[in-house]
Amino acid sequence: MVTRNRTRILIHFALIALALVIAFPVIYALITSTLTFQQAYSYPPRLIPGNQLWNNIVNAWQRVNFGRLFINSTIISVVVAFVKIVLALLAAFAYTHFRFRGRSILFPMTMVTQMLPLPVRILPTYQLMASFHWINSYYALMFPYFASTTGILLFRQFFMTVPRDLSDAARVDGTSPMRYFLQILVPISKTNIAALFVIEFIFMWSQYLWPLIVTNTANMRVVQIGLKMLLAGEQNAPQWNVIMAGTVIAMLPPLVILILFRKSFAEGIAMHSGK
């Protein structure tokens, strides 16, 4: 018993140490955001929080108009996550509940697109957006991300676990396919929907390269570009305390979304990991 308790203590100690190592960059960013300019450049690095957090946040907010960047990133992240979920639900429903010619070939072809992320096809996608005159607009920032093979696979695998007798009973009762989809399948998919929403929201919130390419005015920029603008706007030594304050601001929305949906997110991930 003593040996088992000692082993358990060592395992917990190792896990805590590993968690601290992984979280240290975030912790150090939080600490730096509370310091003055001189304290941020002190050596050895200061690991005690200061009292300048609010001043640094206000400075970062005003220098790059974070309010507008937040609006843009929020609109893009929410709309893309919502549309991805809707399209993935419909596609998964079609793959699992309807028989049509070419279904066995179409689904693997859809999965192959997962190996072609947007950065690989930037040039043709940009040309397509330009031909629609969508450059520097929400359309260009959102449309290339609407399709989600990950979402289709997630919902398809879940729908395949739903007993076939359920759809047969609904058909006998005179329920139309769309009514069965909306009133039965969608409600029981709430956990998966929440998990996918968290993943897609954070993914879109973190986008930098594509928004940088398809936007050319300050009012269409996103939060991640704003962080780069904080760094690029420095004339002398970068004000890392202000830059880290901007980073803290940028971390808040994904963190709030993760906290709000943490239970559903954990359940959705556990469900598809076989646990």
Protein backbone atom coordinates (compact mmCIF):
# COMPACT_ATOMS: atom_id res chain seq x y z
CA MET A 1 0.00 0.00 0.00
CA VAL A 2 2.84 2.38 0.88
CA THR A 3 4.55 1.64 -2.43
CA ARG A 4 1.32 2.22 -4.34
CA ASN A 5 0.72 5.57 -2.62
CA ARG A 6 4.30 6.61 -3.30
CA THR A 7 3.93 5.71 -6.98
CA ARG A 8 0.67 7.68 -7.17
CA ILE A 9 2.32 10.72 -5.60
CA LEU A 10 5.22 10.54 -8.06
CA ILE A 11 2.83 10.27 -11.00
CA HIS A 12 0.82 13.27 -9.83
CA PHE A 13 4.01 15.25 -9.25
CA ALA A 14 5.23 14.42 -12.76
CA LEU A 15 1.88 15.39 -14.28
CA ILE A 16 1.80 18.70 -12.40
CA ALA A 17 5.38 19.47 -13.46
CA LEU A 18 4.55 18.64 -17.09
CA ALA A 19 1.42 20.83 -16.95
CA LEU A 20 3.49 23.74 -15.62
CA VAL A 21 6.07 23.32 -18.38
CA ILE A 22 3.35 23.32 -21.03
CA ALA A 23 1.53 26.29 -19.47
CA PHE A 24 4.67 28.33 -18.76
CA PRO A 25 4.57 30.40 -22.01
CA VAL A 26 1.00 31.46 -21.22
CA ILE A 27 1.87 32.17 -17.58
CA TYR A 28 4.90 34.22 -18.62
CA ALA A 29 2.79 36.17 -21.14
CA LEU A 30 0.28 36.97 -18.38
CA ILE A 31 3.06 38.12 -16.06
CA THR A 32 4.74 40.25 -18.74
CA SER A 33 1.42 41.94 -19.55
CA THR A 34 1.34 43.32 -16.00
CA LEU A 35 4.83 44.88 -16.10
CA THR A 36 6.24 48.22 -17.14
CA PHE A 37 8.52 48.58 -20.15
CA GLN A 38 11.65 48.56 -17.96
CA GLN A 39 10.48 45.58 -15.92
CA ALA A 40 9.72 43.58 -19.08
CA TYR A 41 13.40 43.93 -20.08
CA SER A 42 14.84 43.25 -16.64
CA TYR A 43 17.40 40.46 -16.22
CA PRO A 44 16.91 37.87 -14.90
CA PRO A 45 13.34 37.81 -16.22
CA ARG A 46 10.80 38.96 -13.67
CA LEU A 47 8.36 36.24 -12.63
CA ILE A 48 6.34 38.32 -10.18
CA PRO A 49 3.22 40.08 -11.59
CA GLY A 50 3.17 43.86 -11.63
CA ASN A 51 0.31 46.35 -11.49
CA GLN A 52 0.26 47.69 -15.06
CA LEU A 53 -2.14 45.20 -16.65
CA TRP A 54 -5.00 47.64 -17.21
CA ASN A 55 -2.72 50.38 -18.55
CA ASN A 56 -1.08 47.95 -20.97
CA ILE A 57 -4.47 46.61 -22.14
CA VAL A 58 -5.75 50.13 -22.79
CA ASN A 59 -2.55 51.00 -24.65
CA ALA A 60 -2.78 47.89 -26.85
CA TRP A 61 -6.51 48.39 -27.45
CA GLN A 62 -6.08 51.97 -28.64
CA ARG A 63 -2.96 51.46 -30.76
CA VAL A 64 -4.47 48.95 -33.21
CA ASN A 65 -8.23 49.51 -32.73
CA PHE A 66 -8.78 46.11 -31.12
CA GLY A 67 -12.52 46.79 -30.94
CA ARG A 68 -12.90 46.57 -34.70
CA LEU A 69 -10.56 43.58 -34.92
CA PHE A 70 -12.62 41.79 -32.29
CA ILE A 71 -15.84 42.41 -34.21
CA ASN A 72 -14.31 41.04 -37.41
CA SER A 73 -12.83 37.94 -35.77
CA THR A 74 -16.02 37.23 -33.83
CA ILE A 75 -18.24 37.51 -36.91
CA ILE A 76 -15.93 35.31 -38.98
CA SER A 77 -15.44 32.68 -36.27
CA VAL A 78 -19.12 32.38 -35.31
CA VAL A 79 -20.50 32.39 -38.86
CA VAL A 80 -17.94 29.90 -40.19
CA ALA A 81 -18.43 27.56 -37.23
CA PHE A 82 -22.22 27.72 -37.62
CA VAL A 83 -22.22 27.14 -41.39
CA LYS A 84 -19.65 24.34 -41.11
CA ILE A 85 -21.83 22.55 -38.56
CA VAL A 86 -24.99 22.92 -40.66
CA LEU A 87 -23.32 21.68 -43.86
CA ALA A 88 -21.54 18.84 -42.04
CA LEU A 89 -24.81 17.69 -40.43
CA LEU A 90 -26.62 17.68 -43.77
CA ALA A 91 -23.79 15.91 -45.58
CA ALA A 92 -23.44 13.27 -42.86
CA PHE A 93 -27.21 12.73 -42.92
CA ALA A 94 -27.11 12.20 -46.68
CA TYR A 95 -24.18 9.75 -46.48
CA THR A 96 -25.79 7.63 -43.74
CA HIS A 97 -29.52 7.69 -44.54
CA PHE A 98 -29.76 7.84 -48.33
CA ARG A 99 -28.53 5.54 -51.06
CA PHE A 100 -27.39 7.24 -54.22
CA ARG A 101 -25.09 6.39 -57.09
CA GLY A 102 -21.43 7.07 -56.40
CA ARG A 103 -21.79 7.35 -52.61
CA SER A 104 -18.99 4.85 -51.95
CA ILE A 105 -16.63 6.90 -54.14
CA LEU A 106 -17.78 10.39 -53.20
CA PHE A 107 -17.11 10.05 -49.47
CA PRO A 108 -13.44 8.95 -49.84
CA MET A 109 -12.93 11.77 -52.35
CA THR A 110 -14.33 14.18 -49.78
CA MET A 111 -11.89 12.89 -47.19
CA VAL A 112 -8.98 13.35 -49.60
CA THR A 113 -9.61 17.11 -49.55
CA GLN A 114 -8.49 17.02 -45.91
CA MET A 115 -4.95 16.67 -47.26
CA LEU A 116 -5.31 19.95 -49.17
CA PRO A 117 -5.61 22.71 -46.56
CA LEU A 118 -6.16 26.31 -47.60
CA PRO A 119 -2.45 27.34 -47.57
CA VAL A 120 -1.77 24.72 -50.27
CA ARG A 121 -4.43 26.20 -52.55
CA ILE A 122 -3.99 29.88 -51.72
CA LEU A 123 -3.31 31.04 -55.30
CA PRO A 124 -6.37 29.50 -57.02
CA THR A 125 -8.57 30.43 -54.06
CA TYR A 126 -7.36 34.02 -54.17
CA GLN A 127 -7.98 34.17 -57.93
CA LEU A 128 -11.49 32.82 -57.36
CA MET A 129 -12.22 35.43 -54.69
CA ALA A 130 -10.84 38.15 -56.95
CA SER A 131 -13.06 37.01 -59.85
CA PHE A 132 -16.07 37.43 -57.55
CA HIS A 133 -14.79 40.88 -56.44
CA TRP A 134 -14.76 39.66 -52.85
CA ILE A 135 -11.26 40.80 -51.90
CA ASN A 136 -11.24 42.78 -48.65
CA SER A 137 -14.69 41.55 -47.64
CA TYR A 138 -16.25 39.12 -45.19
CA TYR A 139 -17.11 36.83 -48.11
CA ALA A 140 -13.44 36.18 -48.89
CA LEU A 141 -12.63 35.69 -45.22
CA MET A 142 -15.39 33.12 -44.67
CA PHE A 143 -16.42 31.25 -47.84
CA PRO A 144 -13.21 29.20 -48.34
CA TYR A 145 -13.70 27.68 -44.87
CA PHE A 146 -17.37 26.71 -45.04
CA ALA A 147 -16.83 23.07 -46.03
CA SER A 148 -15.52 20.80 -43.28
CA THR A 149 -14.47 17.23 -43.95
CA THR A 150 -13.68 16.88 -40.25
CA GLY A 151 -17.25 17.78 -39.36
CA ILE A 152 -18.68 15.41 -41.96
CA LEU A 153 -16.60 12.53 -40.60
CA LEU A 154 -17.50 13.40 -37.01
CA PHE A 155 -21.25 13.41 -37.61
CA ARG A 156 -21.19 10.50 -40.05
CA GLN A 157 -19.54 8.26 -37.49
CA PHE A 158 -22.05 9.33 -34.86
CA PHE A 159 -25.08 8.86 -37.12
CA MET A 160 -23.87 5.35 -37.94
CA THR A 161 -24.20 4.46 -34.24
CA VAL A 162 -27.87 5.51 -34.17
CA PRO A 163 -30.06 2.36 -34.38
CA ARG A 164 -31.62 1.93 -37.80
CA ASP A 165 -34.86 0.95 -36.08
CA LEU A 166 -35.25 4.57 -35.01
CA SER A 167 -35.45 5.87 -38.56
CA ASP A 168 -37.66 2.94 -39.59
CA ALA A 169 -40.08 3.72 -36.76
CA ALA A 170 -40.13 7.39 -37.75
CA ARG A 171 -40.86 6.43 -41.36
CA VAL A 172 -43.74 4.17 -40.28
CA ASP A 173 -45.20 7.06 -38.29
CA GLY A 174 -45.17 9.18 -41.43
CA THR A 175 -42.24 11.38 -40.41
CA SER A 176 -40.47 12.99 -43.36
CA PRO A 177 -36.67 12.63 -43.64
CA MET A 178 -36.06 16.31 -42.81
CA ARG A 179 -38.39 16.17 -39.82
CA TYR A 180 -36.59 13.08 -38.56
CA PHE A 181 -33.30 14.90 -39.09
CA LEU A 182 -34.35 18.09 -37.31
CA GLN A 183 -36.37 16.63 -34.47
CA ILE A 184 -34.40 13.47 -33.68
CA LEU A 185 -30.88 13.43 -35.10
CA VAL A 186 -29.94 17.05 -34.43
CA PRO A 187 -31.10 17.06 -30.76
CA ILE A 188 -29.15 13.89 -29.94
CA SER A 189 -26.08 15.40 -31.66
CA LYS A 190 -25.80 18.38 -29.29
CA THR A 191 -22.61 17.10 -27.68
CA ASN A 192 -20.91 16.65 -31.05
CA ILE A 193 -22.20 20.02 -32.24
CA ALA A 194 -20.75 21.76 -29.19
CA ALA A 195 -17.40 19.97 -29.59
CA LEU A 196 -17.17 20.90 -33.27
CA PHE A 197 -18.20 24.50 -32.55
CA VAL A 198 -15.36 24.89 -30.04
CA ILE A 199 -12.82 23.39 -32.46
CA GLU A 200 -13.94 25.49 -35.44
CA PHE A 201 -14.29 28.73 -33.45
CA ILE A 202 -10.74 28.45 -32.09
CA PHE A 203 -9.44 27.42 -35.52
CA MET A 204 -10.97 30.46 -37.21
CA TRP A 205 -9.98 32.81 -34.40
CA SER A 206 -6.35 31.76 -34.90
CA GLN A 207 -6.25 32.41 -38.65
CA TYR A 208 -3.51 34.77 -39.80
CA LEU A 209 -2.18 33.97 -43.28
CA TRP A 210 -5.43 33.99 -45.30
CA PRO A 211 -6.86 37.18 -43.69
CA LEU A 212 -3.51 38.87 -44.27
CA ILE A 213 -3.66 38.03 -47.99
CA VAL A 214 -7.30 38.89 -48.77
CA THR A 215 -7.63 42.08 -46.70
CA ASN A 216 -5.90 45.37 -47.40
CA THR A 217 -7.57 47.88 -45.09
CA ALA A 218 -7.39 48.26 -41.33
CA ASN A 219 -11.14 47.92 -40.79
CA MET A 220 -11.14 44.39 -42.27
CA ARG A 221 -8.18 43.04 -40.32
CA VAL A 222 -8.55 40.36 -37.65
CA VAL A 223 -7.17 39.96 -34.13
CA GLN A 224 -4.11 37.89 -35.09
CA ILE A 225 -3.01 40.55 -37.58
CA GLY A 226 -3.57 43.13 -34.84
CA LEU A 227 -0.98 41.37 -32.69
CA LYS A 228 1.48 41.53 -35.55
CA MET A 229 0.65 45.22 -36.01
CA LEU A 230 1.55 45.84 -32.37
CA LEU A 231 4.99 44.38 -33.00
CA ALA A 232 5.51 45.92 -36.45
CA GLY A 233 4.54 49.39 -35.24
CA GLU A 234 7.49 49.65 -32.85
CA GLN A 235 10.15 52.21 -33.75
CA ASN A 236 12.76 51.10 -31.21
CA ALA A 237 12.69 48.16 -28.80
CA PRO A 238 9.35 46.31 -28.84
CA GLN A 239 7.12 47.06 -25.88
CA TRP A 240 6.63 43.44 -24.91
CA ASN A 241 4.44 44.39 -21.98
CA VAL A 242 1.94 45.99 -24.36
CA ILE A 243 2.27 43.19 -26.93
CA MET A 244 1.63 40.55 -24.25
CA ALA A 245 -1.37 42.56 -23.05
CA GLY A 246 -2.72 42.37 -26.60
CA THR A 247 -2.05 38.64 -26.56
CA VAL A 248 -4.06 38.32 -23.35
CA ILE A 249 -6.95 40.17 -25.00
CA ALA A 250 -6.78 37.83 -28.01
CA MET A 251 -6.84 34.75 -25.77
CA LEU A 252 -10.03 35.72 -23.93
CA PRO A 253 -12.78 34.81 -26.48
CA PRO A 254 -11.46 31.28 -27.21
CA LEU A 255 -10.99 30.76 -23.49
CA VAL A 256 -14.55 31.87 -22.75
CA ILE A 257 -15.93 29.57 -25.48
CA LEU A 258 -13.90 26.65 -24.14
CA ILE A 259 -15.14 27.27 -20.58
CA LEU A 260 -18.77 27.58 -21.67
CA PHE A 261 -18.68 24.37 -23.71
CA ARG A 262 -16.03 22.48 -21.74
CA LYS A 263 -18.38 19.70 -20.61
CA SER A 264 -19.86 19.05 -24.04
CA PHE A 265 -16.43 19.39 -25.65
CA ALA A 266 -14.90 16.80 -23.30
CA GLU A 267 -17.84 14.43 -23.79
CA GLY A 268 -17.68 14.79 -27.57
CA ILE A 269 -13.95 14.09 -27.67
CA ALA A 270 -14.29 11.13 -25.28
CA MET A 271 -17.16 9.70 -27.35
CA HIS A 272 -15.05 9.60 -30.52
CA SER A 273 -11.94 8.34 -28.76
CA GLY A 274 -13.79 5.19 -27.72
CA LYS A 275 -13.78 5.98 -24.01
